[in-house]
Amino acid sequence: MTASHWVLFRGRQACIVGPANRQGEGIAVDDAADHIFGIVLLNDWSARDIQRWEYVPLGPFNGKNWVSSHLSHLYDRKRCVECATKV
């Protein structure tokens, strides 16, 4: 297979989570902020030509999850709260 000639990427926001909750136990909505360590910007890359080629026999598969990358800067939870309160 050759390199992809039709690449799509989407900018997304990803949360880095921690501390963990106990396996099988949920986290209350009011406590969710305590489990967010920080936020990064994430690029979700899709090889659309590969995705279109494999879609008929397999459904969306490798072309959909081609690669992900993120910015090296992490916005910690404290900074996110400071920014959100200024808006």
N, C-alpha and C. Protein backbone atom coordinates (compact mmCIF):
# COMPACT_ATOMS: atom_id res chain seq x y z
N MET A 1 0.85 -1.18 0.00
CA MET A 1 0.00 0.00 0.00
C MET A 1 0.89 1.24 0.00
N THR A 2 0.50 2.24 -0.72
CA THR A 2 1.27 3.48 -0.81
C THR A 2 0.89 4.43 0.32
N ALA A 3 1.61 5.52 0.40
CA ALA A 3 1.30 6.54 1.41
C ALA A 3 -0.06 7.16 1.13
N SER A 4 -0.67 7.67 2.16
CA SER A 4 -1.98 8.31 2.02
C SER A 4 -1.85 9.65 1.30
N HIS A 5 -2.81 9.92 0.42
CA HIS A 5 -2.83 11.18 -0.31
C HIS A 5 -3.98 12.07 0.13
N TRP A 6 -4.82 11.58 1.05
CA TRP A 6 -5.99 12.34 1.49
C TRP A 6 -6.07 12.23 3.01
N VAL A 7 -5.38 13.12 3.69
CA VAL A 7 -5.29 13.07 5.15
C VAL A 7 -6.17 14.16 5.74
N LEU A 8 -6.94 13.80 6.73
CA LEU A 8 -7.79 14.74 7.45
C LEU A 8 -7.32 14.74 8.90
N PHE A 9 -7.21 15.92 9.50
CA PHE A 9 -6.93 15.94 10.93
C PHE A 9 -7.87 16.92 11.60
N ARG A 10 -8.23 16.55 12.81
CA ARG A 10 -9.16 17.35 13.60
C ARG A 10 -8.50 17.73 14.91
N GLY A 11 -8.66 18.97 15.29
CA GLY A 11 -8.18 19.41 16.59
C GLY A 11 -9.20 19.08 17.66
N ARG A 12 -8.73 18.48 18.70
CA ARG A 12 -9.62 18.08 19.80
C ARG A 12 -8.98 18.47 21.13
N GLN A 13 -9.76 18.40 22.16
CA GLN A 13 -9.29 18.63 23.52
C GLN A 13 -9.28 17.29 24.23
N ALA A 14 -8.19 16.95 24.86
CA ALA A 14 -8.10 15.68 25.58
C ALA A 14 -7.78 15.96 27.04
N CYS A 15 -8.43 15.24 27.93
CA CYS A 15 -8.19 15.37 29.37
C CYS A 15 -7.26 14.25 29.82
N ILE A 16 -6.27 14.61 30.58
CA ILE A 16 -5.40 13.64 31.25
C ILE A 16 -6.00 13.45 32.64
N VAL A 17 -6.37 12.22 32.95
CA VAL A 17 -7.11 11.98 34.19
C VAL A 17 -6.24 11.31 35.24
N GLY A 18 -6.61 11.50 36.48
CA GLY A 18 -5.98 10.92 37.64
C GLY A 18 -6.32 11.80 38.83
N PRO A 19 -6.43 11.37 40.00
CA PRO A 19 -6.18 10.00 40.45
C PRO A 19 -7.31 9.06 40.04
N ALA A 20 -6.98 7.81 40.02
CA ALA A 20 -7.94 6.80 39.58
C ALA A 20 -9.01 6.54 40.64
N ASN A 21 -10.14 6.10 40.16
CA ASN A 21 -11.18 5.64 41.07
C ASN A 21 -11.04 4.12 41.19
N ARG A 22 -11.70 3.54 42.15
CA ARG A 22 -11.65 2.08 42.32
C ARG A 22 -12.36 1.42 41.15
N GLN A 23 -11.82 0.30 40.71
CA GLN A 23 -12.39 -0.41 39.57
C GLN A 23 -13.86 -0.76 39.84
N GLY A 24 -14.71 -0.42 38.90
CA GLY A 24 -16.13 -0.70 39.03
C GLY A 24 -16.93 0.39 39.71
N GLU A 25 -16.27 1.38 40.28
CA GLU A 25 -16.96 2.48 40.94
C GLU A 25 -16.96 3.71 40.05
N GLY A 26 -18.09 4.37 39.97
CA GLY A 26 -18.20 5.57 39.17
C GLY A 26 -17.69 6.79 39.90
N ILE A 27 -17.64 7.89 39.18
CA ILE A 27 -17.25 9.18 39.75
C ILE A 27 -18.44 10.11 39.64
N ALA A 28 -18.82 10.71 40.74
CA ALA A 28 -19.94 11.65 40.73
C ALA A 28 -19.58 12.86 39.88
N VAL A 29 -20.57 13.43 39.22
CA VAL A 29 -20.34 14.60 38.37
C VAL A 29 -19.71 15.73 39.17
N ASP A 30 -20.15 15.92 40.39
CA ASP A 30 -19.61 17.00 41.23
C ASP A 30 -18.14 16.78 41.59
N ASP A 31 -17.67 15.52 41.52
CA ASP A 31 -16.28 15.20 41.86
C ASP A 31 -15.39 15.05 40.62
N ALA A 32 -15.94 15.22 39.44
CA ALA A 32 -15.18 14.98 38.20
C ALA A 32 -13.96 15.88 38.08
N ALA A 33 -14.08 17.13 38.47
CA ALA A 33 -12.94 18.06 38.35
C ALA A 33 -11.74 17.61 39.18
N ASP A 34 -11.99 16.90 40.27
CA ASP A 34 -10.90 16.41 41.11
C ASP A 34 -10.12 15.29 40.44
N HIS A 35 -10.65 14.71 39.38
CA HIS A 35 -10.00 13.60 38.69
C HIS A 35 -9.37 14.02 37.37
N ILE A 36 -9.38 15.31 37.06
CA ILE A 36 -8.74 15.81 35.84
C ILE A 36 -7.39 16.39 36.22
N PHE A 37 -6.34 15.80 35.69
CA PHE A 37 -4.98 16.28 35.96
C PHE A 37 -4.67 17.49 35.10
N GLY A 38 -5.07 17.43 33.83
CA GLY A 38 -4.81 18.55 32.94
C GLY A 38 -5.44 18.32 31.58
N ILE A 39 -5.22 19.28 30.69
CA ILE A 39 -5.82 19.25 29.36
C ILE A 39 -4.72 19.50 28.33
N VAL A 40 -4.75 18.75 27.23
CA VAL A 40 -3.84 18.97 26.10
C VAL A 40 -4.67 19.11 24.83
N LEU A 41 -4.08 19.72 23.81
CA LEU A 41 -4.71 19.76 22.49
C LEU A 41 -4.25 18.53 21.73
N LEU A 42 -5.20 17.83 21.11
CA LEU A 42 -4.94 16.55 20.45
C LEU A 42 -5.31 16.66 18.98
N ASN A 43 -4.46 16.16 18.10
CA ASN A 43 -4.78 16.06 16.69
C ASN A 43 -5.12 14.61 16.38
N ASP A 44 -6.28 14.39 15.82
CA ASP A 44 -6.75 13.07 15.43
C ASP A 44 -6.64 12.98 13.91
N TRP A 45 -5.69 12.20 13.41
CA TRP A 45 -5.41 12.11 11.97
C TRP A 45 -6.15 10.91 11.38
N SER A 46 -6.75 11.09 10.24
CA SER A 46 -7.42 10.00 9.51
C SER A 46 -6.89 9.95 8.09
N ALA A 47 -6.57 8.76 7.62
CA ALA A 47 -6.16 8.55 6.23
C ALA A 47 -7.44 8.23 5.44
N ARG A 48 -8.07 9.24 4.90
CA ARG A 48 -9.38 9.08 4.27
C ARG A 48 -9.37 8.16 3.06
N ASP A 49 -8.30 8.17 2.26
CA ASP A 49 -8.28 7.28 1.11
C ASP A 49 -8.17 5.82 1.54
N ILE A 50 -7.37 5.53 2.57
CA ILE A 50 -7.28 4.16 3.09
C ILE A 50 -8.61 3.77 3.72
N GLN A 51 -9.21 4.70 4.46
CA GLN A 51 -10.49 4.44 5.11
C GLN A 51 -11.56 4.10 4.07
N ARG A 52 -11.61 4.84 2.97
CA ARG A 52 -12.60 4.58 1.93
C ARG A 52 -12.36 3.23 1.27
N TRP A 53 -11.08 2.88 1.05
CA TRP A 53 -10.74 1.61 0.41
C TRP A 53 -11.15 0.41 1.27
N GLU A 54 -10.94 0.47 2.58
CA GLU A 54 -11.22 -0.67 3.45
C GLU A 54 -12.64 -0.68 3.99
N TYR A 55 -13.39 0.38 3.81
CA TYR A 55 -14.71 0.50 4.43
C TYR A 55 -15.68 -0.58 3.97
N VAL A 56 -15.67 -0.92 2.68
CA VAL A 56 -16.64 -1.88 2.14
C VAL A 56 -16.46 -3.27 2.76
N PRO A 57 -15.26 -3.85 2.77
CA PRO A 57 -15.18 -5.19 3.37
C PRO A 57 -15.16 -5.20 4.90
N LEU A 58 -14.61 -4.16 5.54
CA LEU A 58 -14.35 -4.23 6.98
C LEU A 58 -15.12 -3.23 7.83
N GLY A 59 -15.59 -2.16 7.24
CA GLY A 59 -16.09 -1.05 8.03
C GLY A 59 -14.92 -0.14 8.38
N PRO A 60 -15.16 1.00 9.04
CA PRO A 60 -14.04 1.89 9.36
C PRO A 60 -13.07 1.19 10.31
N PHE A 61 -11.82 1.11 9.89
CA PHE A 61 -10.85 0.33 10.66
C PHE A 61 -9.55 1.11 10.77
N ASN A 62 -8.49 0.71 10.09
CA ASN A 62 -7.18 1.34 10.26
C ASN A 62 -7.09 2.75 9.72
N GLY A 63 -7.83 3.07 8.67
CA GLY A 63 -7.79 4.43 8.15
C GLY A 63 -8.34 5.44 9.15
N LYS A 64 -9.25 4.99 10.00
CA LYS A 64 -9.88 5.88 10.98
C LYS A 64 -8.93 6.21 12.13
N ASN A 65 -8.15 5.24 12.56
CA ASN A 65 -7.25 5.46 13.70
C ASN A 65 -5.80 5.50 13.22
N TRP A 66 -5.56 6.24 12.19
CA TRP A 66 -4.26 6.25 11.54
C TRP A 66 -3.16 6.71 12.49
N VAL A 67 -3.34 7.87 13.12
CA VAL A 67 -2.35 8.35 14.09
C VAL A 67 -3.00 9.45 14.94
N SER A 68 -2.50 9.62 16.14
CA SER A 68 -2.89 10.73 17.01
C SER A 68 -1.63 11.40 17.51
N SER A 69 -1.68 12.70 17.66
CA SER A 69 -0.54 13.44 18.20
C SER A 69 -1.09 14.54 19.11
N HIS A 70 -0.27 14.96 20.04
CA HIS A 70 -0.73 16.03 20.93
C HIS A 70 0.38 17.06 21.11
N LEU A 71 -0.04 18.24 21.49
CA LEU A 71 0.94 19.29 21.77
C LEU A 71 1.72 18.92 23.02
N SER A 72 2.92 19.40 23.10
CA SER A 72 3.77 19.06 24.24
C SER A 72 3.42 19.85 25.49
N HIS A 73 2.59 20.87 25.36
CA HIS A 73 2.24 21.69 26.52
C HIS A 73 0.98 21.14 27.19
N LEU A 74 1.06 20.95 28.50
CA LEU A 74 -0.07 20.48 29.29
C LEU A 74 -0.60 21.65 30.11
N TYR A 75 -1.88 21.91 30.00
CA TYR A 75 -2.52 22.92 30.85
C TYR A 75 -3.04 22.20 32.09
N ASP A 76 -2.45 22.49 33.24
CA ASP A 76 -2.88 21.79 34.45
C ASP A 76 -4.25 22.30 34.90
N ARG A 77 -4.87 21.51 35.76
CA ARG A 77 -6.24 21.80 36.19
C ARG A 77 -6.36 23.17 36.83
N LYS A 78 -5.38 23.55 37.65
CA LYS A 78 -5.43 24.85 38.32
C LYS A 78 -5.47 25.98 37.29
N ARG A 79 -4.64 25.89 36.26
CA ARG A 79 -4.61 26.94 35.22
C ARG A 79 -5.92 26.96 34.43
N CYS A 80 -6.50 25.80 34.17
CA CYS A 80 -7.77 25.75 33.45
C CYS A 80 -8.89 26.42 34.25
N VAL A 81 -8.90 26.20 35.55
CA VAL A 81 -9.91 26.82 36.40
C VAL A 81 -9.72 28.34 36.41
N GLU A 82 -8.46 28.78 36.49
CA GLU A 82 -8.19 30.23 36.46
C GLU A 82 -8.69 30.85 35.16
N CYS A 83 -8.44 30.20 34.03
CA CYS A 83 -8.87 30.73 32.74
C CYS A 83 -10.40 30.72 32.63
N ALA A 84 -11.03 29.67 33.12
CA ALA A 84 -12.48 29.55 33.01
C ALA A 84 -13.19 30.60 33.85
N THR A 85 -12.61 30.97 34.97
CA THR A 85 -13.28 31.96 35.82
C THR A 85 -13.13 33.37 35.28
N LYS A 86 -12.17 33.61 34.37
CA LYS A 86 -11.98 34.92 33.78
C LYS A 86 -12.93 35.18 32.61
N VAL A 87 -13.53 34.14 32.09
CA VAL A 87 -14.40 34.28 30.91
C VAL A 87 -15.75 34.85 31.31
